[in-house]
Amino acid sequence: MKILMDTCVWGGNRNEFSSAGHDVVWASDWPKDPGDKEILSRAYKERRVLITLDKDFGELAIVQNQPNCGIIRLVELASRYQVVVCLEVLKKHSRDLGKGAIITATRDRIRIRLSEQDR
C-alpha cells in the first residue's frame, strides 16, 4: 500500500513500513511543510493513505469535503506503538481506507468512519 506519513509521525516508522512492503513518503523530507490542505491533496493525487496525529485532516475530509484515499489518525500512541497499530489497521481495513475511510486508532481501540458513499 502507498503511505504518506505526516510530519508529526515519527520518521523512524518509515523503515518499518517499507520492510512490511509499503511504499512510504514522509512529509518531513520535503523542503518545506506545505500545510495540511496540500499534504492531503498530495496524498490523494498519489493514491496514498495519510497517517497523522493531527485531527485537522478529518475536518478537511469531512467538513470541507476534500477528497482522500484514507486517513489513519493516531491518538495517544507512543512512537514505538505507532507502526504496530498502523500495520494492523492497514492489514484489516485496507479496503475501507482505499474508499476514503477515516480511521482513528489508539493502542486498544479502532474507530472507523466510512466515506459518505459507503454509508
Protein backbone atom coordinates (compact mmCIF):
# COMPACT_ATOMS: atom_id res chain seq x y z
CA MET A 1 0.00 0.00 0.00
CA LYS A 2 1.14 3.57 -0.60
CA ILE A 3 1.51 5.69 2.53
CA LEU A 4 2.19 9.35 3.23
CA MET A 5 3.39 9.94 6.78
CA ASP A 6 2.61 13.41 8.10
CA THR A 7 5.44 15.43 9.66
CA CYS A 8 4.13 14.71 13.16
CA VAL A 9 4.56 10.94 12.77
CA TRP A 10 7.90 9.60 13.98
CA GLY A 11 10.25 9.27 11.00
CA GLY A 12 11.73 6.02 12.27
CA ASN A 13 8.46 4.34 11.29
CA ARG A 14 9.31 4.75 7.61
CA ASN A 15 11.75 1.83 7.66
CA GLU A 16 9.24 -0.42 9.41
CA PHE A 17 6.54 0.36 6.84
CA SER A 18 8.99 -0.20 3.98
CA SER A 19 10.12 -3.51 5.48
CA ALA A 20 6.48 -4.58 5.57
CA GLY A 21 6.24 -3.92 1.82
CA HIS A 22 4.64 -0.48 1.80
CA ASP A 23 5.65 2.43 -0.44
CA VAL A 24 6.30 5.26 2.03
CA VAL A 25 6.77 9.02 1.70
CA TRP A 26 7.42 11.17 4.78
CA ALA A 27 6.33 14.81 4.53
CA SER A 28 9.32 15.88 6.67
CA ASP A 29 11.59 15.01 3.74
CA TRP A 30 10.04 17.79 1.67
CA PRO A 31 11.92 21.14 1.53
CA LYS A 32 9.13 22.87 3.48
CA ASP A 33 5.84 21.98 5.12
CA PRO A 34 3.12 22.87 2.59
CA GLY A 35 0.32 22.78 5.18
CA ASP A 36 -2.44 20.30 5.88
CA LYS A 37 -4.59 21.02 2.83
CA GLU A 38 -1.69 20.45 0.42
CA ILE A 39 -0.50 17.35 2.29
CA LEU A 40 -3.94 15.76 1.97
CA SER A 41 -4.12 16.83 -1.68
CA ARG A 42 -0.74 15.24 -2.44
CA ALA A 43 -1.75 12.05 -0.68
CA TYR A 44 -4.89 11.90 -2.82
CA LYS A 45 -3.07 12.65 -6.09
CA GLU A 46 -0.53 9.91 -5.34
CA ARG A 47 -3.22 7.50 -4.06
CA ARG A 48 -1.62 7.30 -0.60
CA VAL A 49 -3.16 6.65 2.80
CA LEU A 50 -2.30 9.55 5.10
CA ILE A 51 -1.00 8.66 8.56
CA THR A 52 -1.13 11.52 11.05
CA LEU A 53 -1.59 12.55 14.66
CA ASP A 54 -3.45 15.69 13.57
CA LYS A 55 -7.26 15.78 13.79
CA ASP A 56 -7.45 18.69 11.33
CA PHE A 57 -7.27 16.27 8.39
CA GLY A 58 -10.60 14.79 9.40
CA GLU A 59 -12.14 18.24 9.24
CA LEU A 60 -10.67 18.80 5.79
CA ALA A 61 -12.07 15.49 4.59
CA ILE A 62 -15.48 15.66 6.26
CA VAL A 63 -16.44 19.31 6.66
CA GLN A 64 -14.62 20.69 3.61
CA ASN A 65 -15.22 17.51 1.59
CA GLN A 66 -11.59 17.32 0.40
CA PRO A 67 -11.04 14.01 -1.40
CA ASN A 68 -8.69 11.49 0.17
CA CYS A 69 -7.51 7.91 -0.13
CA GLY A 70 -7.96 7.16 3.53
CA ILE A 71 -6.65 8.69 6.73
CA ILE A 72 -5.29 6.94 9.80
CA ARG A 73 -5.21 9.25 12.81
CA LEU A 74 -3.17 8.01 15.73
CA VAL A 75 -4.24 9.13 19.19
CA GLU A 76 -2.10 8.97 22.34
CA LEU A 77 0.34 6.45 20.90
CA ALA A 78 3.99 6.40 21.83
CA SER A 79 6.30 6.37 18.82
CA ARG A 80 7.15 2.70 19.30
CA TYR A 81 3.47 1.70 19.02
CA GLN A 82 2.57 3.88 16.02
CA VAL A 83 3.82 1.46 13.39
CA VAL A 84 2.43 -1.62 15.17
CA VAL A 85 -1.06 -0.16 15.29
CA CYS A 86 -0.87 1.21 11.74
CA LEU A 87 0.26 -2.11 10.26
CA GLU A 88 -2.69 -3.82 11.92
CA VAL A 89 -5.10 -1.18 10.63
CA LEU A 90 -3.64 -1.41 7.11
CA LYS A 91 -3.93 -5.19 7.17
CA LYS A 92 -7.53 -5.30 8.40
CA HIS A 93 -9.01 -2.17 6.83
CA SER A 94 -7.18 -1.50 3.55
CA ARG A 95 -10.40 -1.80 1.55
CA ASP A 96 -12.17 0.85 3.67
CA LEU A 97 -9.12 3.12 3.54
CA GLY A 98 -8.98 2.81 -0.24
CA LYS A 99 -12.54 4.14 -0.32
CA GLY A 100 -11.67 7.20 1.79
CA ALA A 101 -12.40 5.97 5.32
CA ILE A 102 -11.02 7.84 8.30
CA ILE A 103 -9.73 5.52 10.98
CA THR A 104 -8.92 6.77 14.44
CA ALA A 105 -6.66 4.39 16.32
CA THR A 106 -5.49 4.16 19.89
CA ARG A 107 -3.47 1.36 21.40
CA ASP A 108 -6.60 -0.66 22.21
CA ARG A 109 -9.39 0.81 20.06
CA ILE A 110 -10.12 1.48 16.40
CA ARG A 111 -12.97 3.72 15.22
CA ILE A 112 -13.88 3.72 11.52
CA ARG A 113 -15.75 6.49 9.75
CA LEU A 114 -16.67 5.30 6.29
CA SER A 115 -16.77 7.67 3.37
CA GLU A 116 -20.20 9.15 2.58
CA GLN A 117 -20.77 6.87 -0.43
CA ASP A 118 -20.11 3.76 1.69
CA ARG A 119 -22.57 4.57 4.48
